[in-house]
Protein backbone atom coordinates (compact mmCIF):
# COMPACT_ATOMS: atom_id res chain seq x y z
CA MET A 1 116.03 129.80 105.24
CA ALA A 2 118.89 131.20 103.19
CA VAL A 3 122.47 129.96 102.87
CA ALA A 4 125.46 131.41 101.21
CA LEU A 5 127.91 129.20 99.38
CA LEU A 6 131.32 130.39 98.96
CA GLY A 7 133.70 128.87 96.27
CA PRO A 8 137.09 130.48 95.71
CA LEU A 9 138.35 129.92 92.22
CA GLY A 10 141.16 127.13 92.13
CA ALA A 11 144.35 128.39 89.93
CA CYS A 12 147.86 129.58 90.39
CA GLY A 13 148.16 133.27 89.97
CA PRO A 14 147.59 136.47 91.96
CA PRO A 15 146.87 136.50 95.73
CA ASP A 16 143.16 137.30 94.92
CA PRO A 17 141.98 134.66 92.67
CA GLY A 18 138.35 135.75 92.85
CA GLN A 19 135.23 134.32 94.65
CA VAL A 20 131.99 133.01 93.60
CA ARG A 21 129.04 133.49 95.96
CA PHE A 22 126.08 131.28 95.57
CA ARG A 23 122.88 132.38 97.37
CA LEU A 24 120.86 129.47 98.05
CA THR A 25 117.25 130.13 98.82
CA SER A 26 114.30 127.86 99.55
CA THR A 27 110.63 128.14 100.73
CA PRO A 28 109.99 130.59 103.47
CA PRO A 29 108.02 129.99 106.58
CA PRO A 30 105.29 128.43 107.32
CA ASP A 31 105.40 126.27 104.16
CA ASP A 32 109.30 125.57 104.61
CA LYS A 33 108.47 122.64 107.24
CA VAL A 34 107.04 120.65 104.42
CA LEU A 35 108.61 122.19 101.19
CA SER A 36 112.16 123.21 102.17
CA PRO A 37 114.95 120.70 101.79
CA LEU A 38 117.14 122.81 104.02
CA LEU A 39 114.88 121.94 106.99
CA ASP A 40 114.97 118.06 106.13
CA PRO A 41 116.81 116.25 108.94
CA ARG A 42 118.23 113.94 106.68
CA LEU A 43 120.12 116.46 104.78
CA THR A 44 123.84 115.93 105.32
CA SER A 45 125.61 117.64 102.32
CA LEU A 46 125.56 119.93 99.32
CA GLU A 47 126.98 119.17 96.00
CA LEU A 48 127.60 121.48 92.97
CA ARG A 49 127.51 119.75 89.58
CA SER A 50 127.99 120.83 85.92
CA ARG A 51 127.32 118.51 82.94
CA ASP A 52 127.25 115.57 85.46
CA VAL A 53 130.59 116.41 86.70
CA VAL A 54 130.92 117.13 90.54
CA LEU A 55 132.63 120.57 91.14
CA ALA A 56 132.59 120.70 94.71
CA ARG A 57 130.86 119.21 97.93
CA ALA A 58 130.34 120.64 101.39
CA ARG A 59 129.23 119.20 104.66
CA PHE A 60 125.76 120.70 105.81
CA ASP A 61 125.22 121.03 109.54
CA ARG A 62 121.81 122.41 109.95
CA VAL A 63 122.05 122.66 113.79
CA GLU A 64 125.59 124.77 113.30
CA LEU A 65 124.06 126.92 110.62
CA ALA A 66 121.00 127.82 112.77
CA ALA A 67 123.14 128.86 115.55
CA ASN A 68 124.76 131.62 113.54
CA GLU A 69 121.75 132.76 111.31
CA GLY A 70 121.28 135.86 113.54
CA VAL A 71 124.32 137.25 112.28
CA GLY A 72 123.34 137.31 108.56
CA ALA A 73 123.23 134.65 106.16
CA PRO A 74 125.15 131.50 107.33
CA THR A 75 127.69 130.40 104.94
CA VAL A 76 129.08 127.00 103.63
CA GLU A 77 132.54 126.92 102.13
CA LEU A 78 132.45 124.66 98.87
CA GLY A 79 136.32 124.70 98.22
CA PRO A 80 138.01 125.81 95.17
CA LEU A 81 135.92 125.87 91.79
CA PRO A 82 137.48 125.48 88.28
CA VAL A 83 137.27 128.38 86.04
CA GLY A 84 135.39 128.16 82.77
CA ASP A 85 132.92 129.26 80.15
CA PRO A 86 129.42 129.88 81.02
CA ARG A 87 127.49 126.62 81.90
CA ASP A 88 124.37 125.34 83.58
CA MET A 89 125.10 124.32 87.31
CA GLN A 90 122.84 122.20 89.44
CA LEU A 91 123.29 122.33 93.20
CA LEU A 92 122.04 119.11 95.01
CA ALA A 93 120.77 118.86 98.54
CA LEU A 94 121.74 115.19 99.54
CA GLY A 95 121.00 112.80 102.27
CA ALA A 96 121.71 109.10 102.94
CA ALA A 97 125.30 109.50 102.53
CA GLY A 98 125.05 111.34 99.38
CA GLN A 99 122.61 108.85 97.81
CA GLN A 100 119.51 110.39 98.09
CA VAL A 101 118.51 113.86 96.41
CA LEU A 102 116.06 115.78 98.79
CA GLY A 103 116.48 118.96 96.99
CA LEU A 104 117.63 120.40 93.79
CA ALA A 105 118.28 123.89 92.18
CA VAL A 106 119.41 124.78 88.59
CA THR A 107 121.04 127.93 87.52
CA ARG A 108 121.76 128.72 83.92
CA ASP A 109 124.91 130.36 82.31
CA VAL A 110 127.05 130.48 85.31
CA GLU A 111 130.30 132.29 84.32
CA VAL A 112 133.27 131.50 86.69
CA ARG A 113 136.21 133.89 85.88
CA PHE A 114 139.64 134.15 87.56
CA GLY A 115 140.07 137.30 89.70
CA GLU A 116 136.40 138.39 89.54
CA GLN A 117 133.69 138.24 92.17
CA ARG A 118 130.55 137.00 91.18
CA GLU A 119 127.19 136.13 92.70
CA TYR A 120 124.47 133.73 91.56
CA VAL A 121 121.23 132.48 93.10
CA PHE A 122 120.27 128.74 93.44
CA GLU A 123 116.34 128.36 94.35
CA LEU A 124 115.99 124.92 95.95
CA ARG A 125 113.01 122.86 95.46
CA ARG A 126 112.03 119.40 96.59
CA PRO A 127 111.80 116.85 93.52
CA LEU A 128 108.22 116.61 93.68
CA PHE A 129 105.49 114.64 91.43
CA PHE A 130 102.06 115.91 90.45
CA PHE A 131 98.92 114.22 88.55
CA GLY A 132 95.68 115.04 87.80
CA SER A 133 92.57 113.46 86.19
CA GLY A 134 91.53 113.03 82.64
CA ARG A 135 88.14 111.50 82.78
CA ARG A 136 85.39 111.01 85.42
CA LEU A 137 83.91 107.57 85.61
CA VAL A 138 80.24 107.92 86.35
CA SER A 139 78.24 104.97 86.58
CA PRO A 140 74.85 104.54 84.86
CA MET A 141 73.52 102.95 87.99
CA PRO A 142 75.51 104.43 91.06
CA PHE A 143 75.41 102.54 94.51
CA PRO A 144 73.73 104.97 96.99
CA PRO A 145 75.92 106.11 99.90
CA SER A 146 74.43 103.51 102.12
CA ASP A 147 75.57 100.53 99.71
CA ARG A 148 78.99 102.00 99.11
CA SER A 149 80.45 98.83 101.10
CA LEU A 150 78.94 96.77 98.30
CA SER A 151 80.66 98.75 95.33
CA PRO A 152 83.15 97.42 93.18
CA GLY A 153 84.91 100.79 93.73
CA ARG A 154 84.92 100.71 97.66
CA ARG A 155 88.77 100.26 97.55
CA ILE A 156 89.32 103.58 95.93
CA ALA A 157 91.46 105.51 98.01
CA ASP A 158 89.37 107.84 100.15
CA ALA A 159 92.04 110.66 99.79
CA LEU A 160 91.78 110.54 96.19
CA ARG A 161 87.91 110.59 95.49
CA GLU A 162 87.80 114.26 94.73
CA GLU A 163 88.49 114.25 90.76
CA HIS A 164 89.01 117.81 90.17
CA LEU A 165 92.37 118.22 92.06
CA LEU A 166 95.72 118.34 90.96
CA ARG A 167 97.74 116.38 93.47
CA VAL A 168 101.18 116.61 94.98
CA VAL A 169 103.43 113.63 95.64
CA ASP A 170 106.79 114.01 97.59
CA PRO A 171 108.60 110.89 96.68
CA ASN A 172 111.00 111.08 99.46
CA SER A 173 108.44 111.42 102.30
CA GLY A 174 107.09 108.39 104.33
CA THR A 175 103.57 110.09 103.70
CA PRO A 176 104.01 110.97 100.12
CA LEU A 177 100.57 112.42 99.28
CA LEU A 178 100.91 116.17 100.34
CA SER A 179 97.06 116.57 100.87
CA ALA A 180 97.39 120.15 102.20
CA TYR A 181 99.03 121.37 98.98
CA HIS A 182 96.37 119.45 96.47
CA LEU A 183 94.90 122.32 94.30
CA ALA A 184 91.59 123.12 92.91
CA LEU A 185 93.02 125.40 89.95
CA ASP A 186 89.65 125.79 88.24
CA GLY A 187 86.78 125.42 90.61
CA MET A 188 85.60 121.71 89.78
CA ARG A 189 87.08 121.55 86.65
CA GLN A 190 89.86 118.72 86.21
CA ALA A 191 93.56 119.16 85.88
CA LEU A 192 93.89 117.33 82.51
CA ALA A 193 97.75 117.84 81.73
CA SER A 194 100.81 119.17 83.43
CA ALA A 195 104.55 119.52 82.96
CA ALA A 196 107.35 121.08 84.93
CA THR A 197 110.12 123.24 83.89
CA SER A 198 113.62 121.66 84.12
CA ASP A 199 114.65 124.23 86.49
CA GLY A 200 112.17 123.26 88.99
CA LEU A 201 110.48 126.71 89.37
CA SER A 202 107.15 126.29 87.60
CA VAL A 203 104.43 123.71 86.65
CA LEU A 204 102.28 124.17 83.53
CA VAL A 205 98.76 122.88 84.23
CA VAL A 206 95.84 123.04 81.61
CA THR A 207 92.29 122.26 83.00
CA GLU A 208 89.06 121.43 81.26
CA GLY A 209 87.84 124.34 79.26
CA GLY A 210 91.19 125.30 77.86
CA THR A 211 92.74 127.29 80.80
CA LEU A 212 96.45 127.21 81.21
CA HIS A 213 97.62 127.73 84.89
CA LEU A 214 101.21 128.69 85.81
CA LEU A 215 102.07 127.04 89.23
CA GLU A 216 104.89 128.52 91.23
CA THR A 217 106.74 125.81 93.30
CA LEU A 218 107.87 128.18 96.14
CA ARG A 219 104.87 127.67 98.01
CA LEU A 220 103.10 125.55 95.47
CA LYS A 221 100.46 128.32 94.59
CA PRO A 222 99.12 129.33 91.24
CA ALA A 223 100.69 132.53 89.79
CA LEU A 224 98.58 133.32 86.73
CA SER A 225 95.96 131.66 84.58
CA LEU A 226 95.00 132.48 80.94
CA LYS A 227 92.49 131.06 78.51
CA LEU A 228 94.23 128.95 75.55
CA PRO A 229 93.22 129.49 71.80
CA THR A 230 91.30 126.23 72.01
CA GLU A 231 88.99 124.35 74.29
CA MET A 232 89.72 120.98 72.72
CA PRO A 233 90.91 118.77 75.75
CA ALA A 234 94.56 118.86 76.65
CA GLN A 235 96.22 115.59 76.84
CA ALA A 236 99.84 116.37 77.27
CA VAL A 237 102.16 119.31 77.98
CA VAL A 238 105.90 119.04 76.97
CA VAL A 239 108.53 121.78 77.77
CA SER A 240 111.78 122.31 75.75
CA PRO A 241 115.14 121.37 77.49
CA ARG A 242 115.94 124.96 78.36
CA ASP A 243 112.41 125.93 79.29
CA GLU A 244 112.08 128.30 76.32
CA LEU A 245 109.39 126.76 74.58
CA ALA A 246 106.30 124.43 75.50
CA ALA A 247 103.66 122.43 73.42
CA ILE A 248 100.18 121.51 74.51
CA LEU A 249 98.73 118.45 72.85
CA HIS A 250 95.05 118.18 72.35
CA HIS A 251 92.45 115.73 71.27
CA GLU A 252 89.19 114.32 72.28
CA THR A 253 88.99 110.97 74.24
CA SER A 254 87.82 109.20 71.23
CA PRO A 255 88.84 111.35 68.25
CA PRO A 256 87.22 110.85 64.90
CA GLN A 257 88.92 108.97 62.09
CA THR A 258 88.66 111.87 59.64
CA GLY A 259 88.27 115.87 59.93
CA LEU A 260 90.01 117.57 62.86
CA VAL A 261 91.46 114.91 65.05
CA GLY A 262 93.68 117.21 67.27
CA ARG A 263 95.55 120.43 67.82
CA ILE A 264 99.09 121.73 69.08
CA THR A 265 99.22 124.73 71.06
CA LEU A 266 102.83 126.01 70.56
CA LEU A 267 103.99 128.50 73.63
CA ARG A 268 106.71 130.43 71.78
CA ASP A 269 107.85 132.59 74.67
CA LEU A 270 107.78 130.67 77.84
CA PRO A 271 110.15 132.86 79.53
CA GLY A 272 108.32 135.72 78.93
CA LEU A 273 105.01 134.24 80.20
CA ARG A 274 106.74 133.20 83.29
CA SER A 275 108.29 136.40 84.03
CA ARG A 276 104.89 138.22 82.96
CA VAL A 277 106.52 140.30 80.07
CA SER A 278 104.32 138.19 77.79
CA ARG A 279 100.70 138.17 78.44
CA ASP A 280 99.93 134.98 76.75
CA GLY A 281 103.10 133.16 75.94
CA ASP A 282 102.73 133.98 72.28
CA PRO A 283 100.59 130.84 71.27
CA LEU A 284 100.23 129.36 67.97
CA VAL A 285 97.74 126.55 67.08
CA VAL A 286 98.41 124.08 64.60
CA GLU A 287 95.51 121.81 63.29
CA ILE A 288 95.94 118.13 62.57
CA ARG A 289 93.39 117.07 59.93
CA SER A 290 92.78 113.48 58.68
CA ASP A 291 91.19 112.14 55.50
CA MET A 292 90.43 108.78 53.83
CA GLN A 293 93.60 109.49 51.34
CA SER A 294 95.90 110.60 54.00
CA PRO A 295 94.66 109.07 57.32
CA VAL A 296 96.53 110.33 60.72
CA GLY A 297 95.67 109.94 64.20
CA ALA A 298 95.63 112.26 67.39
CA PRO A 299 98.80 113.84 68.66
CA LEU A 300 99.68 111.35 71.42
CA ALA A 301 103.20 112.52 72.62
CA ALA A 302 105.84 114.79 71.75
CA ALA A 303 109.67 115.54 72.31
CA TYR A 304 111.97 118.46 71.39
CA GLY A 305 114.76 117.08 69.03
CA PRO A 306 118.56 117.90 69.23
CA ASP A 307 118.12 119.98 66.28
CA GLY A 308 115.36 122.16 68.08
CA LEU A 309 112.27 120.56 66.15
CA LEU A 310 109.22 119.24 67.77
CA ASP A 311 108.58 115.40 67.12
CA VAL A 312 105.12 114.48 67.46
CA VAL A 313 103.78 110.92 67.35
CA LEU A 314 100.25 110.59 66.04
CA GLY A 315 97.84 107.55 66.49
CA GLN A 316 94.68 106.36 67.99
CA PRO A 317 94.82 107.08 71.92
CA PRO A 318 95.94 103.97 73.42
CA MET A 319 92.84 103.54 75.78
CA ALA A 320 90.30 104.70 73.39
CA GLY A 321 87.92 101.79 73.09
CA GLY A 322 89.30 99.46 75.36
CA ASP A 323 92.12 97.24 74.26
CA THR A 324 95.15 99.12 73.49
CA CYS A 325 96.17 97.12 70.48
CA THR A 326 92.69 96.99 68.76
CA PRO A 327 93.62 100.11 66.76
CA MET A 328 96.22 97.88 65.02
CA ASP A 329 93.79 95.62 63.41
CA GLY A 330 93.78 95.97 59.59
CA GLY A 331 97.58 97.01 59.73
CA ARG A 332 96.88 100.60 60.65
CA ARG A 333 100.06 102.33 61.58
CA GLY A 334 101.25 105.50 63.32
CA THR A 335 102.75 108.73 62.13
CA LEU A 336 105.80 110.83 63.23
CA ARG A 337 105.65 114.45 62.27
CA ARG A 338 108.31 117.03 62.90
CA TYR A 339 107.41 120.66 63.35
CA ASP A 340 109.27 123.95 63.56
CA PRO A 341 108.07 124.95 67.14
CA ARG A 342 108.28 128.66 66.28
CA SER A 343 106.61 128.77 62.88
CA GLY A 344 104.29 125.51 63.40
CA GLN A 345 105.47 124.49 59.78
CA LEU A 346 105.59 120.87 59.15
CA ARG A 347 109.04 119.78 58.24
CA GLU A 348 108.90 116.02 57.93
CA GLN A 349 106.37 113.22 58.33
CA VAL A 350 107.54 109.58 58.38
CA PRO A 351 105.42 106.46 58.73
CA ILE A 352 106.14 104.37 61.78
CA ALA A 353 104.58 101.51 63.74
CA TYR A 354 101.90 102.70 66.17
CA SER A 355 103.74 104.49 68.89
CA THR A 356 102.59 106.24 72.07
CA GLY A 357 105.70 107.71 73.59
CA VAL A 358 108.85 109.52 72.22
CA ALA A 359 112.02 110.74 73.66
CA TYR A 360 115.70 111.77 72.71
CA THR A 361 118.51 110.52 74.54
CA ASN A 362 121.56 112.81 75.15
CA ASP A 363 123.35 111.31 72.11
CA GLY A 364 120.56 112.06 69.65
CA THR A 365 119.01 108.64 69.68
CA LEU A 366 115.31 108.69 68.92
CA VAL A 367 113.25 106.23 71.26
CA LEU A 368 109.79 105.14 70.63
CA ALA A 369 107.40 103.23 72.77
CA GLN A 370 105.57 100.78 70.73
CA PRO A 371 103.02 98.78 72.89
CA CYS A 372 101.55 96.78 70.22
CA THR A 373 104.66 95.55 68.42
CA LYS A 374 106.41 92.57 69.49
CA ALA A 375 110.20 92.77 69.86
CA PRO A 376 112.31 90.06 68.08
CA SER A 377 113.49 88.73 71.75
CA GLY A 378 110.05 89.09 73.18
CA LYS A 379 107.16 86.72 74.17
CA ARG A 380 104.45 89.49 74.37
CA PRO A 381 103.58 92.65 72.12
CA GLY A 382 105.44 95.58 73.36
CA GLN A 383 108.85 96.92 72.59
CA ILE A 384 111.06 100.15 72.97
CA LEU A 385 112.55 101.16 69.57
CA PHE A 386 115.81 102.87 69.22
CA GLN A 387 116.41 104.74 65.90
CA ARG A 388 118.82 107.31 64.42
CA TRP A 389 118.19 109.88 61.71
CA MET A 390 120.36 109.36 58.69
CA ASN A 391 119.95 111.43 55.71
CA GLY A 392 116.44 112.32 56.51
CA SER A 393 115.35 108.71 57.16
CA LEU A 394 114.99 106.78 60.47
CA VAL A 395 117.49 103.72 60.79
CA PRO A 396 116.74 101.13 63.63
CA VAL A 397 119.50 100.56 66.06
CA ARG A 398 117.75 98.05 68.23
CA ALA A 399 114.42 97.05 69.91
CA LEU A 400 114.11 95.67 73.52
CA PRO A 401 110.97 94.00 74.64
CA ALA A 402 108.82 96.07 76.94
CA PRO A 403 105.38 94.73 77.31
CA GLY A 404 102.81 97.04 78.99
CA SER A 405 104.99 100.22 78.47
CA ALA A 406 103.04 103.07 76.58
CA ASP A 407 105.31 105.81 77.87
CA ILE A 408 109.24 106.15 78.59
CA SER A 409 111.19 108.47 80.88
CA LEU A 410 114.75 109.65 80.75
CA ALA A 411 116.96 110.38 83.74
CA ALA A 412 120.55 111.13 84.78
CA GLY A 413 120.89 113.77 82.41
CA LYS A 414 119.11 111.66 79.55
CA GLN A 415 121.45 109.07 79.78
CA ALA A 416 119.52 106.24 81.26
CA LEU A 417 116.05 105.20 80.12
CA ILE A 418 113.29 103.79 82.13
CA ALA A 419 110.18 101.96 81.24
CA ILE A 420 107.80 100.25 83.53
CA GLY A 421 105.31 97.82 82.51
CA ARG A 422 104.37 94.24 82.82
CA ASP A 423 106.56 90.97 82.93
CA ASP A 424 107.16 89.29 79.56
CA THR A 425 105.29 85.92 80.34
CA SER A 426 103.27 84.23 77.50
CA ASP A 427 99.45 83.73 78.42
CA ASP A 428 98.43 80.20 78.94
CA PRO A 429 95.29 78.48 77.29
CA ASP A 430 93.12 78.63 80.61
CA GLY A 431 94.01 82.06 81.33
CA THR A 432 95.36 81.59 84.83
CA VAL A 433 98.51 83.60 84.37
CA GLN A 434 98.60 86.84 86.48
CA ALA A 435 100.42 89.86 85.42
CA ARG A 436 103.05 91.41 87.50
CA GLY A 437 104.73 94.91 87.12
CA VAL A 438 108.30 95.03 85.99
CA VAL A 439 110.87 97.98 86.05
CA ARG A 440 113.27 98.06 83.15
CA THR A 441 116.26 100.44 82.98
CA LEU A 442 118.61 100.80 80.34
CA GLU A 443 121.92 102.09 81.66
CA PRO A 444 124.31 104.22 79.59
CA GLY A 445 126.41 102.15 77.13
CA GLN A 446 124.43 98.90 77.80
CA ALA A 447 122.78 96.85 75.04
CA ASP A 448 119.88 95.36 77.21
CA TRP A 449 117.62 95.99 80.27
CA SER A 450 118.92 96.00 83.81
CA GLN A 451 115.62 94.37 85.15
CA GLN A 452 114.32 94.31 88.65
CA SER A 453 112.30 91.98 90.51
CA PRO A 454 108.53 92.03 89.47
CA PHE A 455 106.02 93.62 91.80
CA PRO A 456 102.50 92.51 92.54
CA LEU A 457 99.40 94.33 91.15
CA ASP A 458 96.13 94.35 93.25
CA ASP A 459 93.26 91.97 92.91
CA TRP A 460 89.84 93.50 92.13
CA LEU A 461 87.15 92.53 94.74
CA LEU A 462 83.58 92.37 93.59
CA PRO A 463 80.75 91.64 96.21
CA TYR A 464 78.82 88.39 95.95
CA ARG A 465 77.44 87.12 99.13
CA VAL A 466 78.13 90.14 101.59
CA THR A 467 77.00 90.31 105.17
CA ILE A 468 77.07 94.19 106.46
CA THR A 469 77.31 94.96 110.09
CA GLY A 470 75.48 97.69 111.54
CA GLY A 471 78.52 100.01 110.98
CA GLY A 472 78.21 99.18 107.16
CA THR A 473 81.36 97.01 107.16
CA PRO A 474 81.46 93.71 105.39
CA LEU A 475 81.99 90.70 107.54
CA PRO A 476 85.34 88.74 106.89
CA ALA A 477 82.98 85.63 106.30
CA SER A 478 81.49 87.33 103.40
CA VAL A 479 82.06 85.79 99.87
CA GLU A 480 83.57 88.01 97.17
CA ILE A 481 84.82 87.31 93.62
CA VAL A 482 88.50 88.07 93.38
CA LEU A 483 89.59 88.94 89.89
CA ALA A 484 93.39 88.80 89.57
CA PRO A 485 95.28 91.02 87.10
CA ARG A 486 95.37 89.75 83.57
CA ASP A 487 97.31 92.76 81.93
CA LEU A 488 98.86 96.06 82.82
CA LEU A 489 99.62 99.12 80.77
CA VAL A 490 101.56 101.97 82.07
CA TYR A 491 100.76 104.91 80.09
CA ARG A 492 102.46 107.75 82.08
CA ILE A 493 105.64 107.75 83.76
CA VAL A 494 107.84 110.32 85.35
CA THR A 495 110.99 110.00 87.43
CA THR A 496 112.99 111.72 90.14
CA PRO A 497 116.34 113.10 88.91
CA ASP A 498 118.40 110.75 91.13
CA ARG A 499 116.37 107.82 89.36
CA THR A 500 115.41 106.34 92.64
CA ARG A 501 111.71 106.59 92.17
CA ALA A 502 109.09 106.72 89.58
CA LEU A 503 105.33 107.96 89.62
CA ILE A 504 103.21 106.08 87.15
CA ALA A 505 99.73 106.16 85.98
CA ALA A 506 98.41 102.59 85.13
CA ARG A 507 95.49 100.57 83.71
CA VAL A 508 95.17 97.04 84.94
CA THR A 509 92.99 94.61 83.08
CA HIS A 510 91.01 91.96 85.06
CA GLN A 511 89.27 89.55 82.81
CA VAL A 512 87.89 85.86 83.26
CA GLU A 513 85.87 83.74 80.58
CA GLY A 514 83.58 80.96 81.84
CA MET A 515 84.58 81.23 85.42
CA PHE A 516 82.70 78.93 87.77
CA LEU A 517 81.02 80.79 90.37
CA ASP A 518 78.45 78.72 92.16
CA ARG A 519 76.17 75.72 92.32
CA ILE A 520 72.53 76.06 92.25
CA THR A 521 69.72 73.48 92.64
CA MET A 522 66.65 74.13 90.98
CA ASN A 523 63.62 71.76 90.52
CA GLY A 524 65.68 68.60 92.17
CA ARG A 525 68.29 69.23 89.41
CA GLU A 526 71.88 70.79 89.84
CA HIS A 527 72.89 73.74 87.88
CA LEU A 528 76.24 75.51 87.40
CA CYS A 529 76.81 79.16 87.32
CA PHE A 530 79.73 80.67 85.11
CA ILE A 531 80.51 84.34 84.58
CA ASP A 532 82.48 86.32 81.98
CA TRP A 533 83.80 89.67 83.16
CA LEU A 534 86.14 92.17 81.45
CA GLY A 535 86.97 95.34 83.25
CA TYR A 536 89.72 97.92 84.24
CA THR A 537 91.06 99.40 87.56
CA TYR A 538 93.23 102.52 87.45
CA HIS A 539 96.02 103.19 89.72
CA VAL A 540 98.74 105.71 90.62
CA MET A 541 101.80 103.99 91.82
CA LEU A 542 105.13 105.05 93.45
CA VAL A 543 107.84 102.57 92.49
CA ASN A 544 111.20 102.27 93.82
CA LEU A 545 113.70 102.28 90.64
CA GLN A 546 116.50 100.74 92.63
CA THR A 547 114.83 97.62 94.01
CA GLY A 548 111.88 97.36 91.66
CA ALA A 549 109.24 97.39 94.59
CA ARG A 550 105.97 99.17 94.40
CA GLU A 551 106.08 101.61 97.46
CA GLN A 552 102.73 103.10 97.37
CA GLY A 553 99.65 102.19 95.26
CA TRP A 554 96.29 104.00 94.88
CA MET A 555 93.44 102.81 93.27
CA VAL A 556 91.57 105.70 91.80
CA GLY A 557 88.96 104.27 89.36
CA VAL A 558 87.34 101.22 88.32
CA GLN A 559 85.42 100.39 84.85
CA ASN A 560 83.47 97.48 83.79
CA GLN A 561 83.64 96.70 79.96
CA SER A 562 81.47 93.66 80.05
CA CYS A 563 79.67 91.21 82.28
CA SER A 564 77.44 88.22 81.90
CA SER A 565 76.67 84.85 83.12
CA VAL A 566 75.16 81.60 82.06
CA LEU A 567 73.29 78.91 84.15
CA TRP A 568 74.21 75.54 82.91
CA GLU A 569 71.91 72.47 83.56
CA ARG A 570 74.31 69.47 84.22
CA ILE A 571 72.18 66.73 83.21
CA GLU A 572 70.81 67.96 79.69
CA ARG A 573 74.09 70.05 79.36
CA LYS A 574 72.48 72.88 78.21
CA ALA A 575 72.16 76.74 78.98
CA VAL A 576 68.83 77.58 80.66
CA GLY A 577 69.19 81.13 81.80
CA VAL A 578 71.47 83.69 83.58
CA CYS A 579 72.54 83.44 87.30
CA PHE A 580 74.47 86.50 88.21
CA SER A 581 71.79 89.23 88.80
CA GLU A 582 74.33 91.92 89.51
CA CYS A 583 75.26 91.70 85.88
CA GLN A 584 71.91 90.75 84.29
CA TYR A 585 68.68 89.30 85.21
CA ALA A 586 65.51 88.06 83.74
CA GLU A 587 62.37 89.96 84.01
CA GLY A 588 59.15 89.65 81.77
CA GLY A 589 60.91 87.29 79.31
CA MET A 590 63.53 90.12 78.71
CA LEU A 591 67.14 90.45 79.97
CA LYS A 592 67.74 93.50 82.03
CA ASN A 593 71.30 95.09 83.11
CA GLY A 594 72.21 94.66 86.64
CA ARG A 595 74.06 97.48 88.54
CA LEU A 596 77.64 96.06 87.79
CA ARG A 597 77.24 95.95 83.99
CA GLY A 598 78.73 98.90 82.88
CA TYR A 599 79.57 100.21 86.30
CA GLN A 600 82.36 102.53 86.69
CA GLU A 601 83.53 105.05 89.57
CA GLY A 602 86.44 107.28 90.37
CA PHE A 603 88.61 108.81 87.55
CA ILE A 604 91.39 107.93 85.00
CA PRO A 605 94.57 109.43 86.31
CA THR A 606 96.74 111.56 84.03
CA GLY A 607 98.51 114.86 83.91
CA THR A 608 101.70 113.46 85.67
CA SER A 609 104.74 115.59 85.75
CA ALA A 610 107.95 115.91 87.78
CA LEU A 611 110.10 118.87 88.76
CA PHE A 612 113.68 118.88 87.19
CA SER A 613 112.49 116.68 84.52
CA GLY A 614 115.44 115.67 82.33
CA GLN A 615 118.10 116.75 84.87
């Protein structure tokens, strides 16, 4: 469906002040029923904006337009428009009385001149989310299909068990997973990293083996694929604010301490790549090396600064080796490097506290996510640090507590900052405090978070005494070990342009020490069974940023780190063996591993991105 928007120029003068015609296009049939905002029954109005200022608004009546469609492209009168110099404009398709952005289009350098006739094209898209998978979780002793109902990973979402697909999420849909548009871009190779352009027309996706795919969002189909100059796994993709440049960050899951620890691929002609004028986007690879005298970490996150330089934070990957803050042992710190994105030249290097996320607000403030540093007003480790550049040095502005936040997102024209993590509650000695998720929003001009109500996190159910029906379903009377969430790390976050929802990739920690499991009578004596467990579940969640509620949650991976048990003789008060054979069991005088010890299944989600990021 195509719609013409007519805007006469508002000014006093000659009888013909001129006119601007905006041609609004969207996804054609048959994909329009799912992907086109113009066919959304909730659509009520169209709004034209520039620099967050509303220029015009018009009512949208889909029934009336459809009745006139055979006479040519239906038109909507926007009303008078102010004249002005070239500027970027956004066209919003609104629902819910103008409070919900169902679609968005961006056109660069729109020039409105008095007395002239001009035409511009707006290509309308839904504000979709995307995510892929970084690492497959394969168990050393997998459960056979007949025993899947006994597996710790049986609650992994059935729709998300295929690890190689790039997933598409519509945050405004009642069924947000658009399964018909999930993509296998490179056979069975996984989609490791992705980023969308701010005009919403393209998504850059890097798969295993170093292949870059350019996805066109008109029909959500791949437009081209090319081999990057390096096969080192991609971990993140960053696109410059006006979609002119892109940077791909590469490092291994557990990079070495010395030698080659990472690479950065700089795409210096993104417009040429998207228009097919450039065959490869003019790539340049920057190597990052570390030694004992000048140790640095892998490239974890990047952002383009107001001066055009590329800021990259270096450090140990937050989930390498388990506990995120283990790399801080011994006082190890992070590094901020500033590169020229066209020449690859290193311009500045500044030591910083360990950081995993970086962004710039619209006023030029540098924002760092520091999950292992406690804010002055916080109870747990984790802060968002705000700094400004002054004479080549970073000057702190303020630090706000943000436990569990390893990434940050900017919305509303980079004026509002959003972080999602866990509640700032101290642990108690007996380890019974459960973690809950929290949305934190820093509104423009405010000095502290506007915090929403916490949302619950899922328990992890482990089989203990399970009775299976003939159909393979556990009976309700079965006994299961319920592991509550002890901690939360949100390591990827993207938001919709209207700040209504966020998609996050998160790791939930489940840990118990000396948990009483059962009473066992042996040789007339009573024994007590205690277990220790440390493991992670991995989730993709759709979170409502207005209410703080988790609207959708999909478990996609489980991973045991350690599992042990002890059988305690009550009278003599001593350990006499093990008691949970699924973790460990004795055989021939030796301890052997059960199938839950080191068990893992599913994948670690990554590669999150959002159309119109930064708008």
